[in-house]
Amino acid sequence: MSVALPLIPVWVFVSLDRWDALLWWSFPLGGLLGLSLHLANQAPDVAAEADIHGFAHQLGPVRARYLGILLFVMAVVVAAMVLLVDGSPWHAAAVAATGAVGAAVSVRATQLFGRDGLFGVLAIATAAIAVVFVSAAG
């Protein structure tokens, strides 16, 4: 996911011959968001998969969840700062607001939406942030 997420907008803009330097940021941001989604997706299954030794399994379910949320927040802060420096304050505000709501809900996502709630909340927030960020390019 950390590789595939940033390649999608890059591929679209390159194929349309509308490259914007802002899109370089999709690689580190996509990496952070991809790892965040991976940890959120794996966290509910960690306890049941004792014979697997992946990153989320080594962290444990609680730390995997919180690291996923932390990586999400880090990506939101970086994206908002990049958009501010790029001269897109409205896009930055939209990213920050979406990230704040996503982070606030994600802390209680499993209680509100079930065992896979964290992944759902972070996936929806990530998609919204990606749309806002890419709309600021070109």
C-alpha atoms as a PDB file:
ATOM      1  CA  MET A   1       0.000   0.000   0.000  1.00  0.00           C
ATOM      2  CA  SER A   2       2.825   2.398   0.781  1.00  0.00           C
ATOM      3  CA  VAL A   3       4.019   2.179  -2.817  1.00  0.00           C
ATOM      4  CA  ALA A   4       0.682   1.859  -4.601  1.00  0.00           C
ATOM      5  CA  LEU A   5      -1.089   4.821  -2.975  1.00  0.00           C
ATOM      6  CA  PRO A   6       1.297   7.517  -4.219  1.00  0.00           C
ATOM      7  CA  LEU A   7       1.620   5.974  -7.674  1.00  0.00           C
ATOM      8  CA  ILE A   8      -2.051   6.430  -8.542  1.00  0.00           C
ATOM      9  CA  PRO A   9      -2.176  10.263  -8.703  1.00  0.00           C
ATOM     10  CA  VAL A  10       1.335  10.414 -10.138  1.00  0.00           C
ATOM     11  CA  TRP A  11       0.403   8.030 -12.939  1.00  0.00           C
ATOM     12  CA  VAL A  12      -2.755  10.009 -13.748  1.00  0.00           C
ATOM     13  CA  PHE A  13      -0.990  13.372 -13.897  1.00  0.00           C
ATOM     14  CA  VAL A  14       1.916  11.971 -15.936  1.00  0.00           C
ATOM     15  CA  SER A  15      -0.437  10.254 -18.380  1.00  0.00           C
ATOM     16  CA  LEU A  16      -2.315  13.533 -18.876  1.00  0.00           C
ATOM     17  CA  ASP A  17       0.986  15.423 -19.255  1.00  0.00           C
ATOM     18  CA  ARG A  18       0.010  17.751 -16.377  1.00  0.00           C
ATOM     19  CA  TRP A  19       2.821  17.146 -13.888  1.00  0.00           C
ATOM     20  CA  ASP A  20       2.982  19.487 -10.911  1.00  0.00           C
ATOM     21  CA  ALA A  21       5.935  19.614  -8.505  1.00  0.00           C
ATOM     22  CA  LEU A  22       3.490  19.325  -5.585  1.00  0.00           C
ATOM     23  CA  LEU A  23       2.944  15.706  -6.604  1.00  0.00           C
ATOM     24  CA  TRP A  24       6.444  14.754  -5.426  1.00  0.00           C
ATOM     25  CA  TRP A  25       4.985  14.993  -1.924  1.00  0.00           C
ATOM     26  CA  SER A  26       2.590  12.168  -2.713  1.00  0.00           C
ATOM     27  CA  PHE A  27       5.452   9.678  -2.248  1.00  0.00           C
ATOM     28  CA  PRO A  28       6.344  10.400   1.404  1.00  0.00           C
ATOM     29  CA  LEU A  29       2.731  11.207   2.303  1.00  0.00           C
ATOM     30  CA  GLY A  30       1.453   8.108   0.543  1.00  0.00           C
ATOM     31  CA  GLY A  31       4.080   6.041   2.327  1.00  0.00           C
ATOM     32  CA  LEU A  32       2.991   7.323   5.736  1.00  0.00           C
ATOM     33  CA  LEU A  33      -0.693   6.897   4.950  1.00  0.00           C
ATOM     34  CA  GLY A  34      -0.127   3.456   3.420  1.00  0.00           C
ATOM     35  CA  LEU A  35       1.720   2.212   6.502  1.00  0.00           C
ATOM     36  CA  SER A  36      -0.971   3.761   8.704  1.00  0.00           C
ATOM     37  CA  LEU A  37      -3.679   1.884   6.803  1.00  0.00           C
ATOM     38  CA  HIS A  38      -1.667  -1.339   6.899  1.00  0.00           C
ATOM     39  CA  LEU A  39      -1.299  -1.192  10.678  1.00  0.00           C
ATOM     40  CA  ALA A  40      -4.973  -0.303  11.140  1.00  0.00           C
ATOM     41  CA  ASN A  41      -5.957  -3.205   8.898  1.00  0.00           C
ATOM     42  CA  GLN A  42      -3.701  -5.727  10.648  1.00  0.00           C
ATOM     43  CA  ALA A  43      -4.306  -4.679  14.270  1.00  0.00           C
ATOM     44  CA  PRO A  44      -7.592  -6.610  14.763  1.00  0.00           C
ATOM     45  CA  ASP A  45      -6.031  -9.863  13.529  1.00  0.00           C
ATOM     46  CA  VAL A  46      -2.781  -9.735  15.512  1.00  0.00           C
ATOM     47  CA  ALA A  47      -3.990 -11.762  18.495  1.00  0.00           C
ATOM     48  CA  ALA A  48      -5.430 -14.550  16.317  1.00  0.00           C
ATOM     49  CA  GLU A  49      -2.298 -14.958  14.174  1.00  0.00           C
ATOM     50  CA  ALA A  50       0.288 -16.144  16.695  1.00  0.00           C
ATOM     51  CA  ASP A  51       2.491 -17.881  14.104  1.00  0.00           C
ATOM     52  CA  ILE A  52       2.964 -14.735  11.955  1.00  0.00           C
ATOM     53  CA  HIS A  53       5.787 -12.342  12.812  1.00  0.00           C
ATOM     54  CA  GLY A  54       4.980  -9.210  10.805  1.00  0.00           C
ATOM     55  CA  PHE A  55       5.527  -5.637  11.919  1.00  0.00           C
ATOM     56  CA  ALA A  56       2.032  -5.248  13.375  1.00  0.00           C
ATOM     57  CA  HIS A  57       2.376  -8.585  15.156  1.00  0.00           C
ATOM     58  CA  GLN A  58       5.632  -7.544  16.763  1.00  0.00           C
ATOM     59  CA  LEU A  59       4.046  -4.303  17.957  1.00  0.00           C
ATOM     60  CA  GLY A  60       0.934  -5.951  19.334  1.00  0.00           C
ATOM     61  CA  PRO A  61      -2.650  -4.873  18.676  1.00  0.00           C
ATOM     62  CA  VAL A  62      -2.733  -1.781  20.884  1.00  0.00           C
ATOM     63  CA  ARG A  63       0.605  -0.343  19.752  1.00  0.00           C
ATOM     64  CA  ALA A  64      -0.206  -1.147  16.107  1.00  0.00           C
ATOM     65  CA  ARG A  65      -3.448   0.839  16.392  1.00  0.00           C
ATOM     66  CA  TYR A  66      -1.813   3.822  18.043  1.00  0.00           C
ATOM     67  CA  LEU A  67       1.148   3.844  15.667  1.00  0.00           C
ATOM     68  CA  GLY A  68      -1.317   3.759  12.761  1.00  0.00           C
ATOM     69  CA  ILE A  69      -3.126   6.781  14.180  1.00  0.00           C
ATOM     70  CA  LEU A  70       0.176   8.574  14.860  1.00  0.00           C
ATOM     71  CA  LEU A  71       1.395   8.008  11.287  1.00  0.00           C
ATOM     72  CA  PHE A  72      -1.940   9.284   9.983  1.00  0.00           C
ATOM     73  CA  VAL A  73      -1.632  12.457  12.089  1.00  0.00           C
ATOM     74  CA  MET A  74       1.959  12.961  10.945  1.00  0.00           C
ATOM     75  CA  ALA A  75       0.892  12.710   7.303  1.00  0.00           C
ATOM     76  CA  VAL A  76      -1.938  15.194   7.867  1.00  0.00           C
ATOM     77  CA  VAL A  77       0.384  17.726   9.511  1.00  0.00           C
ATOM     78  CA  VAL A  78       2.968  17.407   6.720  1.00  0.00           C
ATOM     79  CA  ALA A  79       0.299  17.648   4.005  1.00  0.00           C
ATOM     80  CA  ALA A  80      -1.237  20.757   5.558  1.00  0.00           C
ATOM     81  CA  MET A  81       2.172  22.408   5.928  1.00  0.00           C
ATOM     82  CA  VAL A  82       3.131  21.586   2.330  1.00  0.00           C
ATOM     83  CA  LEU A  83      -0.132  23.040   1.065  1.00  0.00           C
ATOM     84  CA  LEU A  84       0.359  26.188   3.131  1.00  0.00           C
ATOM     85  CA  VAL A  85       3.868  26.681   1.756  1.00  0.00           C
ATOM     86  CA  ASP A  86       2.537  25.986  -1.753  1.00  0.00           C
ATOM     87  CA  GLY A  87       0.062  28.847  -1.353  1.00  0.00           C
ATOM     88  CA  SER A  88      -3.122  26.803  -0.987  1.00  0.00           C
ATOM     89  CA  PRO A  89      -4.505  27.833   2.408  1.00  0.00           C
ATOM     90  CA  TRP A  90      -8.034  26.543   1.709  1.00  0.00           C
ATOM     91  CA  HIS A  91      -6.719  23.145   0.706  1.00  0.00           C
ATOM     92  CA  ALA A  92      -4.510  23.117   3.807  1.00  0.00           C
ATOM     93  CA  ALA A  93      -7.477  23.950   6.016  1.00  0.00           C
ATOM     94  CA  ALA A  94      -9.575  21.204   4.406  1.00  0.00           C
ATOM     95  CA  VAL A  95      -6.788  18.650   4.940  1.00  0.00           C
ATOM     96  CA  ALA A  96      -6.323  19.761   8.547  1.00  0.00           C
ATOM     97  CA  ALA A  97     -10.054  19.634   9.286  1.00  0.00           C
ATOM     98  CA  THR A  98     -10.463  16.209   7.679  1.00  0.00           C
ATOM     99  CA  GLY A  99      -7.419  14.937   9.540  1.00  0.00           C
ATOM    100  CA  ALA A 100      -8.645  16.317  12.857  1.00  0.00           C
ATOM    101  CA  VAL A 101     -12.036  14.639  12.474  1.00  0.00           C
ATOM    102  CA  GLY A 102     -10.416  11.397  11.309  1.00  0.00           C
ATOM    103  CA  ALA A 103      -7.968  11.361  14.213  1.00  0.00           C
ATOM    104  CA  ALA A 104     -10.646  12.201  16.778  1.00  0.00           C
ATOM    105  CA  VAL A 105     -12.977   9.469  15.558  1.00  0.00           C
ATOM    106  CA  SER A 106     -10.183   6.924  15.073  1.00  0.00           C
ATOM    107  CA  VAL A 107      -9.358   6.835  18.779  1.00  0.00           C
ATOM    108  CA  ARG A 108     -12.814   5.332  19.459  1.00  0.00           C
ATOM    109  CA  ALA A 109     -13.402   3.739  16.046  1.00  0.00           C
ATOM    110  CA  THR A 110     -13.470   0.144  17.280  1.00  0.00           C
ATOM    111  CA  GLN A 111     -16.057   0.985  19.960  1.00  0.00           C
ATOM    112  CA  LEU A 112     -18.173   2.918  17.459  1.00  0.00           C
ATOM    113  CA  PHE A 113     -17.858   0.768  14.322  1.00  0.00           C
ATOM    114  CA  GLY A 114     -16.632  -2.675  15.386  1.00  0.00           C
ATOM    115  CA  ARG A 115     -13.323  -4.503  15.098  1.00  0.00           C
ATOM    116  CA  ASP A 116     -12.428  -3.085  11.661  1.00  0.00           C
ATOM    117  CA  GLY A 117     -13.657   0.418  12.468  1.00  0.00           C
ATOM    118  CA  LEU A 118     -10.202   1.962  12.707  1.00  0.00           C
ATOM    119  CA  PHE A 119      -9.294   0.830   9.216  1.00  0.00           C
ATOM    120  CA  GLY A 120     -12.593   2.152   7.852  1.00  0.00           C
ATOM    121  CA  VAL A 121     -12.223   5.553   9.479  1.00  0.00           C
ATOM    122  CA  LEU A 122      -8.601   5.973   8.384  1.00  0.00           C
ATOM    123  CA  ALA A 123      -9.355   4.735   4.859  1.00  0.00           C
ATOM    124  CA  ILE A 124     -12.201   7.217   4.374  1.00  0.00           C
ATOM    125  CA  ALA A 125     -10.184  10.090   5.843  1.00  0.00           C
ATOM    126  CA  THR A 126      -7.150   9.148   3.734  1.00  0.00           C
ATOM    127  CA  ALA A 127      -9.235   9.117   0.561  1.00  0.00           C
ATOM    128  CA  ALA A 128     -10.708  12.534   1.366  1.00  0.00           C
ATOM    129  CA  ILE A 129      -7.282  13.985   2.152  1.00  0.00           C
ATOM    130  CA  ALA A 130      -5.853  12.547  -1.067  1.00  0.00           C
ATOM    131  CA  VAL A 131      -8.628  14.136  -3.131  1.00  0.00           C
ATOM    132  CA  VAL A 132      -8.069  17.526  -1.506  1.00  0.00           C
ATOM    133  CA  PHE A 133      -4.281  17.299  -1.839  1.00  0.00           C
ATOM    134  CA  VAL A 134      -4.350  16.224  -5.487  1.00  0.00           C
ATOM    135  CA  SER A 135      -6.918  18.914  -6.322  1.00  0.00           C
ATOM    136  CA  ALA A 136      -4.339  21.506  -5.239  1.00  0.00           C
ATOM    137  CA  ALA A 137      -1.925  20.250  -7.905  1.00  0.00           C
ATOM    138  CA  GLY A 138      -2.026  21.563 -11.446  1.00  0.00           C
END
